[in-house]
Amino acid sequence: MSLATKIKKAEKLGIVFEPGYEPKEAELDKMIEAKQELLGQQKEEERIRKANEKKAAEEAEKHKVVLQDIDGDDVDQGDYFWPRLEKETINEKRPDEKVLLPTDQTAPVYFNKVIGYPVDREELKEVFLQFFPRAKGFLFYKARDREVYIVIVPLKYATTINRANESRPGDFQRHALSFISEGSVNVESLKLKLARIAKHSSISTEAIAR
């Protein structure tokens, strides 16, 4: 490769020469080699960065909590789960290991695995709304693998989740309706069970000032 060709290659790699400077061939070879090594390192660092970002995104998606109202719209965790009011250190012996900052986004990562997902059967949703109007924001869920339905109470109507009861971050008030012994849910039985829950003493009829 001629010197002129090497100079063009160097310039293509982004090597800038001072006006009038004529590098010797050996020196130019070293400059090109160093530049190629640097570009290779940058390329590898970029590949690792993108791989880490992809992994982080996949991990976040894996632990994403599905929290939706009766219409299938996303709702805020802060309205249902007791917040972390103070900074917490996971391992007191290793305070530098992991610190959890105050936040109202405290839904447990296992929430959907344990509680299930929003009810999607329209006839059941219609019954639910007879006892828990949309405006109040109660959630209606079904366990993934059994005939158990769950009513999730917004914090502003929950009397069991509060400071006095020493609630922990992520605690939330829910009421389960089991149809396991009946084999499956039916509308009339659902009405009776929802009526009992709606009148339960642990659910305030008016919003609670926290």
Protein backbone atom coordinates (compact mmCIF):
# COMPACT_ATOMS: atom_id res chain seq x y z
CA MET A 1 0.00 0.00 0.00
CA SER A 2 1.45 3.34 -1.02
CA LEU A 3 2.00 6.19 1.42
CA ALA A 4 -0.72 8.28 -0.31
CA THR A 5 -3.20 5.41 0.04
CA LYS A 6 -2.33 5.02 3.73
CA ILE A 7 -2.84 8.74 4.28
CA LYS A 8 -6.30 8.50 2.69
CA LYS A 9 -7.09 5.50 4.89
CA ALA A 10 -5.95 7.40 7.95
CA GLU A 11 -8.12 10.37 7.06
CA LYS A 12 -11.07 8.04 6.46
CA LEU A 13 -10.55 6.64 9.97
CA GLY A 14 -10.80 10.15 11.34
CA ILE A 15 -7.10 10.88 11.85
CA VAL A 16 -6.46 14.59 11.36
CA PHE A 17 -3.09 15.92 10.22
CA GLU A 18 -1.78 19.42 10.76
CA PRO A 19 -1.53 21.44 7.54
CA GLY A 20 1.80 20.66 5.81
CA TYR A 21 2.53 17.66 8.04
CA GLU A 22 3.85 14.61 6.15
CA PRO A 23 4.01 11.52 8.35
CA LYS A 24 6.56 8.83 7.74
CA GLU A 25 5.23 5.44 6.70
CA ALA A 26 6.19 3.64 9.94
CA GLU A 27 4.67 6.41 12.02
CA LEU A 28 1.53 6.36 9.87
CA ASP A 29 1.19 2.60 10.32
CA LYS A 30 1.27 3.03 14.09
CA MET A 31 -1.32 5.81 13.96
CA ILE A 32 -3.65 3.71 11.79
CA GLU A 33 -3.20 0.65 14.02
CA ALA A 34 -3.89 2.67 17.18
CA LYS A 35 -6.94 4.29 15.62
CA GLN A 36 -8.33 0.94 14.44
CA GLU A 37 -7.78 -0.52 17.90
CA LEU A 38 -9.59 2.45 19.49
CA LEU A 39 -12.51 2.19 17.07
CA GLY A 40 -12.71 -1.55 17.69
CA GLN A 41 -12.80 -0.95 21.44
CA GLN A 42 -15.50 1.69 21.07
CA LYS A 43 -17.53 -0.62 18.86
CA GLU A 44 -17.27 -3.41 21.43
CA GLU A 45 -18.23 -1.05 24.25
CA GLU A 46 -21.26 0.07 22.24
CA ARG A 47 -22.23 -3.56 21.60
CA ILE A 48 -22.00 -4.32 25.34
CA ARG A 49 -23.98 -1.20 26.21
CA LYS A 50 -26.78 -2.13 23.82
CA ALA A 51 -26.79 -5.73 25.06
CA ASN A 52 -27.05 -4.51 28.66
CA GLU A 53 -29.86 -2.11 27.75
CA LYS A 54 -31.74 -4.92 26.00
CA LYS A 55 -31.26 -7.23 28.97
CA ALA A 56 -32.43 -4.52 31.38
CA ALA A 57 -35.50 -3.84 29.22
CA GLU A 58 -36.34 -7.56 29.06
CA GLU A 59 -35.90 -7.88 32.83
CA ALA A 60 -38.11 -4.84 33.43
CA GLU A 61 -40.77 -6.26 31.12
CA LYS A 62 -40.58 -9.60 32.91
CA HIS A 63 -41.30 -7.89 36.24
CA LYS A 64 -43.78 -5.37 34.90
CA VAL A 65 -46.88 -5.25 37.07
CA VAL A 66 -50.19 -5.28 35.20
CA LEU A 67 -52.41 -2.94 37.19
CA GLN A 68 -55.60 -1.98 35.38
CA ASP A 69 -59.08 -0.78 36.21
CA ILE A 70 -62.40 -2.32 35.16
CA ASP A 71 -62.05 -0.75 31.69
CA GLY A 72 -58.55 -2.10 31.12
CA ASP A 73 -56.83 1.25 31.60
CA ASP A 74 -53.55 1.40 33.51
CA VAL A 75 -53.78 2.87 37.00
CA ASP A 76 -51.15 4.26 39.36
CA GLN A 77 -49.58 1.92 41.92
CA GLY A 78 -49.54 4.79 44.38
CA ASP A 79 -53.33 4.63 44.64
CA TYR A 80 -53.37 1.01 45.82
CA PHE A 81 -50.08 0.03 47.49
CA TRP A 82 -48.69 1.44 50.72
CA PRO A 83 -45.69 3.62 49.84
CA ARG A 84 -42.12 3.46 51.10
CA LEU A 85 -42.04 6.58 53.21
CA GLU A 86 -38.39 6.40 54.25
CA LYS A 87 -35.14 5.16 52.76
CA GLU A 88 -34.49 1.49 53.56
CA THR A 89 -31.27 -0.48 53.58
CA ILE A 90 -31.75 -4.12 52.60
CA ASN A 91 -28.68 -5.43 54.42
CA GLU A 92 -27.81 -3.47 57.54
CA LYS A 93 -24.39 -5.14 57.68
CA ARG A 94 -23.67 -3.95 54.14
CA PRO A 95 -25.26 -0.49 53.92
CA ASP A 96 -23.56 0.09 50.56
CA GLU A 97 -25.12 -3.05 49.06
CA LYS A 98 -28.66 -1.94 48.27
CA VAL A 99 -30.74 1.02 49.34
CA LEU A 100 -34.42 1.43 48.54
CA LEU A 101 -35.46 5.04 48.16
CA PRO A 102 -38.83 6.50 49.21
CA THR A 103 -41.45 5.91 46.51
CA ASP A 104 -45.14 5.25 45.98
CA GLN A 105 -44.40 2.68 43.26
CA THR A 106 -44.22 -0.36 45.53
CA ALA A 107 -46.33 -3.08 43.89
CA PRO A 108 -44.64 -6.46 44.55
CA VAL A 109 -43.00 -8.01 41.49
CA TYR A 110 -44.94 -11.19 42.21
CA PHE A 111 -48.28 -9.35 42.19
CA ASN A 112 -49.72 -10.85 39.00
CA LYS A 113 -48.34 -14.29 39.77
CA VAL A 114 -50.18 -14.37 43.09
CA ILE A 115 -53.23 -12.18 42.45
CA GLY A 116 -53.78 -12.80 38.75
CA TYR A 117 -55.01 -10.42 36.05
CA PRO A 118 -57.97 -8.12 35.45
CA VAL A 119 -61.29 -9.85 34.84
CA ASP A 120 -62.16 -9.69 31.14
CA ARG A 121 -65.64 -11.25 31.05
CA GLU A 122 -68.10 -8.44 30.35
CA GLU A 123 -71.05 -9.97 32.24
CA LEU A 124 -68.91 -10.27 35.38
CA LYS A 125 -67.62 -6.73 35.04
CA GLU A 126 -71.18 -5.44 34.76
CA VAL A 127 -72.09 -7.17 38.03
CA PHE A 128 -68.96 -5.75 39.70
CA LEU A 129 -69.92 -2.21 38.71
CA GLN A 130 -73.29 -2.58 40.42
CA PHE A 131 -71.46 -2.65 43.76
CA PHE A 132 -68.22 -0.78 43.00
CA PRO A 133 -68.85 2.22 40.70
CA ARG A 134 -66.11 3.24 38.25
CA ALA A 135 -65.62 6.56 40.01
CA LYS A 136 -64.30 4.85 43.15
CA GLY A 137 -61.56 2.97 41.31
CA PHE A 138 -61.85 -0.50 42.84
CA LEU A 139 -60.05 -3.21 40.85
CA PHE A 140 -61.45 -6.61 39.87
CA TYR A 141 -58.97 -9.46 39.34
CA LYS A 142 -59.01 -13.22 38.80
CA ALA A 143 -56.37 -15.73 39.87
CA ARG A 144 -54.55 -17.32 36.93
CA ASP A 145 -55.18 -20.98 37.66
CA ARG A 146 -58.27 -21.22 39.87
CA GLU A 147 -61.77 -19.83 40.29
CA VAL A 148 -60.84 -17.12 42.77
CA TYR A 149 -61.73 -13.48 42.16
CA ILE A 150 -60.19 -10.55 44.02
CA VAL A 151 -61.48 -7.08 44.79
CA ILE A 152 -58.60 -4.64 45.30
CA VAL A 153 -59.42 -1.62 47.44
CA PRO A 154 -57.94 1.82 46.70
CA LEU A 155 -55.88 3.11 49.61
CA LYS A 156 -58.29 5.99 50.16
CA TYR A 157 -61.04 3.52 51.05
CA ALA A 158 -58.87 0.91 52.79
CA THR A 159 -59.02 0.87 56.59
CA THR A 160 -56.57 -2.00 57.16
CA ILE A 161 -53.60 -0.44 55.33
CA ASN A 162 -52.21 2.48 57.29
CA ARG A 163 -49.50 3.67 59.71
CA ALA A 164 -51.45 2.50 62.75
CA ASN A 165 -51.37 -1.07 61.45
CA GLU A 166 -47.66 -0.73 60.63
CA SER A 167 -48.26 -1.39 56.97
CA ARG A 168 -45.17 -2.21 54.92
CA PRO A 169 -44.32 -0.87 51.46
CA GLY A 170 -46.32 -2.84 48.91
CA ASP A 171 -49.11 -3.83 51.30
CA PHE A 172 -52.60 -3.52 49.81
CA GLN A 173 -56.13 -4.37 50.89
CA ARG A 174 -57.94 -7.06 48.94
CA HIS A 175 -60.94 -9.34 49.39
CA ALA A 176 -61.14 -12.75 47.77
CA LEU A 177 -64.23 -14.48 46.38
CA SER A 178 -63.78 -18.21 45.91
CA PHE A 179 -65.87 -20.29 43.53
CA ILE A 180 -63.66 -23.36 43.78
CA SER A 181 -66.28 -25.44 45.58
CA GLU A 182 -68.89 -24.39 42.99
CA GLY A 183 -66.67 -25.38 40.07
CA SER A 184 -66.91 -22.00 38.36
CA VAL A 185 -68.23 -18.50 38.87
CA ASN A 186 -71.90 -17.73 38.26
CA VAL A 187 -73.56 -14.34 38.14
CA GLU A 188 -76.07 -14.80 40.97
CA SER A 189 -73.48 -16.14 43.41
CA LEU A 190 -71.09 -13.36 42.38
CA LYS A 191 -73.74 -10.76 43.21
CA LEU A 192 -74.21 -12.15 46.71
CA LYS A 193 -70.49 -12.25 47.45
CA LEU A 194 -69.81 -8.79 46.03
CA ALA A 195 -72.69 -7.39 48.09
CA ARG A 196 -71.07 -8.76 51.28
CA ILE A 197 -67.70 -7.29 50.38
CA ALA A 198 -69.18 -3.91 49.49
CA LYS A 199 -70.67 -3.71 53.01
CA HIS A 200 -67.54 -5.00 54.75
CA SER A 201 -66.48 -2.87 57.70
CA SER A 202 -62.89 -2.69 56.44
CA ILE A 203 -63.97 -0.68 53.41
CA SER A 204 -64.79 2.95 54.06
CA THR A 205 -67.77 4.43 52.22
CA GLU A 206 -66.02 7.80 52.13
CA ALA A 207 -62.49 8.68 51.13
CA ILE A 208 -60.09 8.64 54.08
CA ALA A 209 -57.75 11.54 54.74
CA ARG A 210 -54.26 10.05 55.03
